Amino acid sequence: MSFFRKSKTFWTLLSFLTFLLFVLAIGFKIYWINIFVIAFGILINKIGIDKVNKNYKFERKD
């Protein structure tokens, strides 16, 4: 499992899955699913952003 946590592909696919879940929730008007979208977004932001974008911390400082 540690391989997936370090993998750029894993975090990128999780980001796309989160966006797809958001679009489906809005499209089918099942708004409570957005609770999971928010949770995934926070998870991606806290843990996965370093793997997806290596220069993220440097870009935020500017």
PDB file of N, CA and C in Angstrom:
ATOM      1  N   MET A   1       0.819  -1.198   0.000  1.00  0.00           N
ATOM      2  CA  MET A   1       0.000   0.000   0.000  1.00  0.00           C
ATOM      3  C   MET A   1       0.860   1.257   0.000  1.00  0.00           C
ATOM      4  N   SER A   2       2.058   1.178   0.544  1.00  0.00           N
ATOM      5  CA  SER A   2       2.908   2.367   0.587  1.00  0.00           C
ATOM      6  C   SER A   2       3.310   2.812  -0.815  1.00  0.00           C
ATOM      7  N   PHE A   3       3.379   1.847  -1.765  1.00  0.00           N
ATOM      8  CA  PHE A   3       3.686   2.214  -3.144  1.00  0.00           C
ATOM      9  C   PHE A   3       2.626   3.155  -3.703  1.00  0.00           C
ATOM     10  N   PHE A   4       1.371   2.877  -3.412  1.00  0.00           N
ATOM     11  CA  PHE A   4       0.292   3.711  -3.918  1.00  0.00           C
ATOM     12  C   PHE A   4       0.311   5.102  -3.302  1.00  0.00           C
ATOM     13  N   ARG A   5       0.686   5.200  -2.046  1.00  0.00           N
ATOM     14  CA  ARG A   5       0.727   6.503  -1.381  1.00  0.00           C
ATOM     15  C   ARG A   5       1.848   7.378  -1.937  1.00  0.00           C
ATOM     16  N   LYS A   6       2.867   6.763  -2.522  1.00  0.00           N
ATOM     17  CA  LYS A   6       3.994   7.503  -3.077  1.00  0.00           C
ATOM     18  C   LYS A   6       3.858   7.719  -4.576  1.00  0.00           C
ATOM     19  N   SER A   7       2.894   7.082  -5.203  1.00  0.00           N
ATOM     20  CA  SER A   7       2.771   7.079  -6.647  1.00  0.00           C
ATOM     21  C   SER A   7       2.030   8.316  -7.159  1.00  0.00           C
ATOM     22  N   LYS A   8       2.635   8.977  -8.121  1.00  0.00           N
ATOM     23  CA  LYS A   8       1.999  10.133  -8.750  1.00  0.00           C
ATOM     24  C   LYS A   8       0.740   9.701  -9.505  1.00  0.00           C
ATOM     25  N   THR A   9       0.795   8.549 -10.134  1.00  0.00           N
ATOM     26  CA  THR A   9      -0.350   8.036 -10.884  1.00  0.00           C
ATOM     27  C   THR A   9      -1.546   7.800  -9.971  1.00  0.00           C
ATOM     28  N   PHE A  10      -1.309   7.241  -8.803  1.00  0.00           N
ATOM     29  CA  PHE A  10      -2.395   6.981  -7.856  1.00  0.00           C
ATOM     30  C   PHE A  10      -3.101   8.271  -7.470  1.00  0.00           C
ATOM     31  N   TRP A  11      -2.346   9.298  -7.103  1.00  0.00           N
ATOM     32  CA  TRP A  11      -2.942  10.549  -6.656  1.00  0.00           C
ATOM     33  C   TRP A  11      -3.619  11.288  -7.799  1.00  0.00           C
ATOM     34  N   THR A  12      -3.078  11.174  -8.997  1.00  0.00           N
ATOM     35  CA  THR A  12      -3.714  11.795 -10.155  1.00  0.00           C
ATOM     36  C   THR A  12      -5.049  11.113 -10.460  1.00  0.00           C
ATOM     37  N   LEU A  13      -5.063   9.797 -10.438  1.00  0.00           N
ATOM     38  CA  LEU A  13      -6.315   9.068 -10.678  1.00  0.00           C
ATOM     39  C   LEU A  13      -7.338   9.336  -9.578  1.00  0.00           C
ATOM     40  N   LEU A  14      -6.880   9.456  -8.348  1.00  0.00           N
ATOM     41  CA  LEU A  14      -7.798   9.785  -7.257  1.00  0.00           C
ATOM     42  C   LEU A  14      -8.388  11.184  -7.440  1.00  0.00           C
ATOM     43  N   SER A  15      -7.596  12.099  -7.957  1.00  0.00           N
ATOM     44  CA  SER A  15      -8.099  13.448  -8.235  1.00  0.00           C
ATOM     45  C   SER A  15      -9.174  13.417  -9.316  1.00  0.00           C
ATOM     46  N   PHE A  16      -8.931  12.671 -10.396  1.00  0.00           N
ATOM     47  CA  PHE A  16      -9.925  12.566 -11.456  1.00  0.00           C
ATOM     48  C   PHE A  16     -11.177  11.843 -10.973  1.00  0.00           C
ATOM     49  N   LEU A  17     -11.008  10.826 -10.145  1.00  0.00           N
ATOM     50  CA  LEU A  17     -12.153  10.116  -9.589  1.00  0.00           C
ATOM     51  C   LEU A  17     -12.986  11.048  -8.710  1.00  0.00           C
ATOM     52  N   THR A  18     -12.323  11.873  -7.939  1.00  0.00           N
ATOM     53  CA  THR A  18     -13.021  12.836  -7.093  1.00  0.00           C
ATOM     54  C   THR A  18     -13.813  13.827  -7.939  1.00  0.00           C
ATOM     55  N   PHE A  19     -13.207  14.326  -9.004  1.00  0.00           N
ATOM     56  CA  PHE A  19     -13.912  15.246  -9.888  1.00  0.00           C
ATOM     57  C   PHE A  19     -15.096  14.567 -10.567  1.00  0.00           C
ATOM     58  N   LEU A  20     -14.914  13.334 -11.007  1.00  0.00           N
ATOM     59  CA  LEU A  20     -16.003  12.590 -11.632  1.00  0.00           C
ATOM     60  C   LEU A  20     -17.143  12.362 -10.645  1.00  0.00           C
ATOM     61  N   LEU A  21     -16.811  12.043  -9.413  1.00  0.00           N
ATOM     62  CA  LEU A  21     -17.823  11.869  -8.382  1.00  0.00           C
ATOM     63  C   LEU A  21     -18.593  13.160  -8.138  1.00  0.00           C
ATOM     64  N   PHE A  22     -17.887  14.287  -8.150  1.00  0.00           N
ATOM     65  CA  PHE A  22     -18.537  15.593  -7.993  1.00  0.00           C
ATOM     66  C   PHE A  22     -19.503  15.867  -9.140  1.00  0.00           C
ATOM     67  N   VAL A  23     -19.074  15.626 -10.372  1.00  0.00           N
ATOM     68  CA  VAL A  23     -19.919  15.874 -11.540  1.00  0.00           C
ATOM     69  C   VAL A  23     -21.150  14.973 -11.514  1.00  0.00           C
ATOM     70  N   LEU A  24     -20.962  13.701 -11.177  1.00  0.00           N
ATOM     71  CA  LEU A  24     -22.101  12.781 -11.104  1.00  0.00           C
ATOM     72  C   LEU A  24     -23.079  13.173  -9.998  1.00  0.00           C
ATOM     73  N   ALA A  25     -22.547  13.610  -8.863  1.00  0.00           N
ATOM     74  CA  ALA A  25     -23.420  14.026  -7.762  1.00  0.00           C
ATOM     75  C   ALA A  25     -24.259  15.236  -8.155  1.00  0.00           C
ATOM     76  N   ILE A  26     -23.656  16.184  -8.841  1.00  0.00           N
ATOM     77  CA  ILE A  26     -24.396  17.364  -9.296  1.00  0.00           C
ATOM     78  C   ILE A  26     -25.381  16.975 -10.395  1.00  0.00           C
ATOM     79  N   GLY A  27     -24.937  16.129 -11.327  1.00  0.00           N
ATOM     80  CA  GLY A  27     -25.786  15.727 -12.447  1.00  0.00           C
ATOM     81  C   GLY A  27     -27.022  14.952 -12.020  1.00  0.00           C
ATOM     82  N   PHE A  28     -26.849  14.053 -11.053  1.00  0.00           N
ATOM     83  CA  PHE A  28     -27.973  13.254 -10.581  1.00  0.00           C
ATOM     84  C   PHE A  28     -28.671  13.869  -9.372  1.00  0.00           C
ATOM     85  N   LYS A  29     -28.210  15.038  -8.955  1.00  0.00           N
ATOM     86  CA  LYS A  29     -28.789  15.784  -7.834  1.00  0.00           C
ATOM     87  C   LYS A  29     -28.791  14.970  -6.535  1.00  0.00           C
ATOM     88  N   ILE A  30     -27.679  14.290  -6.312  1.00  0.00           N
ATOM     89  CA  ILE A  30     -27.466  13.553  -5.073  1.00  0.00           C
ATOM     90  C   ILE A  30     -26.382  14.311  -4.318  1.00  0.00           C
ATOM     91  N   TYR A  31     -26.784  15.364  -3.665  1.00  0.00           N
ATOM     92  CA  TYR A  31     -25.829  16.316  -3.104  1.00  0.00           C
ATOM     93  C   TYR A  31     -25.078  15.793  -1.887  1.00  0.00           C
ATOM     94  N   TRP A  32     -25.600  14.826  -1.182  1.00  0.00           N
ATOM     95  CA  TRP A  32     -24.924  14.311   0.001  1.00  0.00           C
ATOM     96  C   TRP A  32     -23.623  13.603  -0.363  1.00  0.00           C
ATOM     97  N   ILE A  33     -23.478  13.170  -1.607  1.00  0.00           N
ATOM     98  CA  ILE A  33     -22.235  12.522  -2.045  1.00  0.00           C
ATOM     99  C   ILE A  33     -21.070  13.512  -2.010  1.00  0.00           C
ATOM    100  N   ASN A  34     -21.376  14.794  -2.071  1.00  0.00           N
ATOM    101  CA  ASN A  34     -20.311  15.796  -2.037  1.00  0.00           C
ATOM    102  C   ASN A  34     -19.568  15.808  -0.710  1.00  0.00           C
ATOM    103  N   ILE A  35     -20.115  15.200   0.319  1.00  0.00           N
ATOM    104  CA  ILE A  35     -19.379  15.031   1.569  1.00  0.00           C
ATOM    105  C   ILE A  35     -18.127  14.198   1.323  1.00  0.00           C
ATOM    106  N   PHE A  36     -18.258  13.143   0.508  1.00  0.00           N
ATOM    107  CA  PHE A  36     -17.104  12.315   0.161  1.00  0.00           C
ATOM    108  C   PHE A  36     -16.135  13.072  -0.740  1.00  0.00           C
ATOM    109  N   VAL A  37     -16.672  13.886  -1.619  1.00  0.00           N
ATOM    110  CA  VAL A  37     -15.824  14.700  -2.498  1.00  0.00           C
ATOM    111  C   VAL A  37     -14.968  15.655  -1.666  1.00  0.00           C
ATOM    112  N   ILE A  38     -15.570  16.269  -0.673  1.00  0.00           N
ATOM    113  CA  ILE A  38     -14.822  17.174   0.200  1.00  0.00           C
ATOM    114  C   ILE A  38     -13.747  16.405   0.963  1.00  0.00           C
ATOM    115  N   ALA A  39     -14.091  15.235   1.470  1.00  0.00           N
ATOM    116  CA  ALA A  39     -13.118  14.420   2.212  1.00  0.00           C
ATOM    117  C   ALA A  39     -11.956  14.001   1.314  1.00  0.00           C
ATOM    118  N   PHE A  40     -12.260  13.562   0.098  1.00  0.00           N
ATOM    119  CA  PHE A  40     -11.192  13.195  -0.839  1.00  0.00           C
ATOM    120  C   PHE A  40     -10.337  14.399  -1.191  1.00  0.00           C
ATOM    121  N   GLY A  41     -10.960  15.548  -1.369  1.00  0.00           N
ATOM    122  CA  GLY A  41     -10.210  16.759  -1.694  1.00  0.00           C
ATOM    123  C   GLY A  41      -9.239  17.147  -0.595  1.00  0.00           C
ATOM    124  N   ILE A  42      -9.687  17.043   0.645  1.00  0.00           N
ATOM    125  CA  ILE A  42      -8.807  17.347   1.774  1.00  0.00           C
ATOM    126  C   ILE A  42      -7.672  16.327   1.846  1.00  0.00           C
ATOM    127  N   LEU A  43      -7.977  15.059   1.638  1.00  0.00           N
ATOM    128  CA  LEU A  43      -6.959  14.012   1.641  1.00  0.00           C
ATOM    129  C   LEU A  43      -5.915  14.255   0.557  1.00  0.00           C
ATOM    130  N   ILE A  44      -6.367  14.591  -0.626  1.00  0.00           N
ATOM    131  CA  ILE A  44      -5.443  14.862  -1.728  1.00  0.00           C
ATOM    132  C   ILE A  44      -4.598  16.089  -1.423  1.00  0.00           C
ATOM    133  N   ASN A  45      -5.202  17.104  -0.862  1.00  0.00           N
ATOM    134  CA  ASN A  45      -4.472  18.331  -0.555  1.00  0.00           C
ATOM    135  C   ASN A  45      -3.437  18.117   0.548  1.00  0.00           C
ATOM    136  N   LYS A  46      -3.768  17.361   1.567  1.00  0.00           N
ATOM    137  CA  LYS A  46      -2.860  17.167   2.698  1.00  0.00           C
ATOM    138  C   LYS A  46      -1.735  16.183   2.391  1.00  0.00           C
ATOM    139  N   ILE A  47      -2.049  15.089   1.707  1.00  0.00           N
ATOM    140  CA  ILE A  47      -1.068  14.015   1.529  1.00  0.00           C
ATOM    141  C   ILE A  47      -0.529  13.936   0.111  1.00  0.00           C
ATOM    142  N   GLY A  48      -1.395  14.052  -0.879  1.00  0.00           N
ATOM    143  CA  GLY A  48      -1.006  13.737  -2.243  1.00  0.00           C
ATOM    144  C   GLY A  48      -0.439  14.863  -3.073  1.00  0.00           C
ATOM    145  N   ILE A  49      -0.598  16.111  -2.647  1.00  0.00           N
ATOM    146  CA  ILE A  49      -0.183  17.225  -3.491  1.00  0.00           C
ATOM    147  C   ILE A  49       1.324  17.244  -3.716  1.00  0.00           C
ATOM    148  N   ASP A  50       2.093  16.779  -2.739  1.00  0.00           N
ATOM    149  CA  ASP A  50       3.546  16.738  -2.894  1.00  0.00           C
ATOM    150  C   ASP A  50       3.968  15.752  -3.980  1.00  0.00           C
ATOM    151  N   LYS A  51       3.193  14.683  -4.139  1.00  0.00           N
ATOM    152  CA  LYS A  51       3.525  13.673  -5.147  1.00  0.00           C
ATOM    153  C   LYS A  51       3.102  14.112  -6.538  1.00  0.00           C
ATOM    154  N   VAL A  52       1.979  14.796  -6.640  1.00  0.00           N
ATOM    155  CA  VAL A  52       1.456  15.197  -7.944  1.00  0.00           C
ATOM    156  C   VAL A  52       2.233  16.384  -8.514  1.00  0.00           C
ATOM    157  N   ASN A  53       2.510  17.363  -7.678  1.00  0.00           N
ATOM    158  CA  ASN A  53       3.197  18.570  -8.138  1.00  0.00           C
ATOM    159  C   ASN A  53       4.376  18.842  -7.215  1.00  0.00           C
ATOM    160  N   LYS A  54       5.553  18.491  -7.665  1.00  0.00           N
ATOM    161  CA  LYS A  54       6.751  18.605  -6.831  1.00  0.00           C
ATOM    162  C   LYS A  54       7.077  20.063  -6.491  1.00  0.00           C
ATOM    163  N   ASN A  55       6.697  21.008  -7.334  1.00  0.00           N
ATOM    164  CA  ASN A  55       7.014  22.416  -7.119  1.00  0.00           C
ATOM    165  C   ASN A  55       5.902  23.169  -6.404  1.00  0.00           C
ATOM    166  N   TYR A  56       4.929  22.470  -5.856  1.00  0.00           N
ATOM    167  CA  TYR A  56       3.758  23.110  -5.254  1.00  0.00           C
ATOM    168  C   TYR A  56       4.140  24.039  -4.110  1.00  0.00           C
ATOM    169  N   LYS A  57       4.991  23.593  -3.224  1.00  0.00           N
ATOM    170  CA  LYS A  57       5.362  24.414  -2.072  1.00  0.00           C
ATOM    171  C   LYS A  57       6.116  25.663  -2.506  1.00  0.00           C
ATOM    172  N   PHE A  58       6.946  25.527  -3.529  1.00  0.00           N
ATOM    173  CA  PHE A  58       7.694  26.678  -4.018  1.00  0.00           C
ATOM    174  C   PHE A  58       6.770  27.673  -4.721  1.00  0.00           C
ATOM    175  N   GLU A  59       5.774  27.178  -5.424  1.00  0.00           N
ATOM    176  CA  GLU A  59       4.832  28.052  -6.116  1.00  0.00           C
ATOM    177  C   GLU A  59       3.964  28.821  -5.126  1.00  0.00           C
ATOM    178  N   ARG A  60       3.621  28.205  -4.015  1.00  0.00           N
ATOM    179  CA  ARG A  60       2.762  28.882  -3.029  1.00  0.00           C
ATOM    180  C   ARG A  60       3.506  29.976  -2.284  1.00  0.00           C
ATOM    181  N   LYS A  61       4.815  29.881  -2.157  1.00  0.00           N
ATOM    182  CA  LYS A  61       5.580  30.876  -1.433  1.00  0.00           C
ATOM    183  C   LYS A  61       5.679  32.177  -2.211  1.00  0.00           C
ATOM    184  N   ASP A  62       5.595  32.103  -3.524  1.00  0.00           N
ATOM    185  CA  ASP A  62       5.735  33.308  -4.361  1.00  0.00           C
ATOM    186  C   ASP A  62       4.538  34.209  -4.274  1.00  0.00           C
TER     187      ASP A  62
END
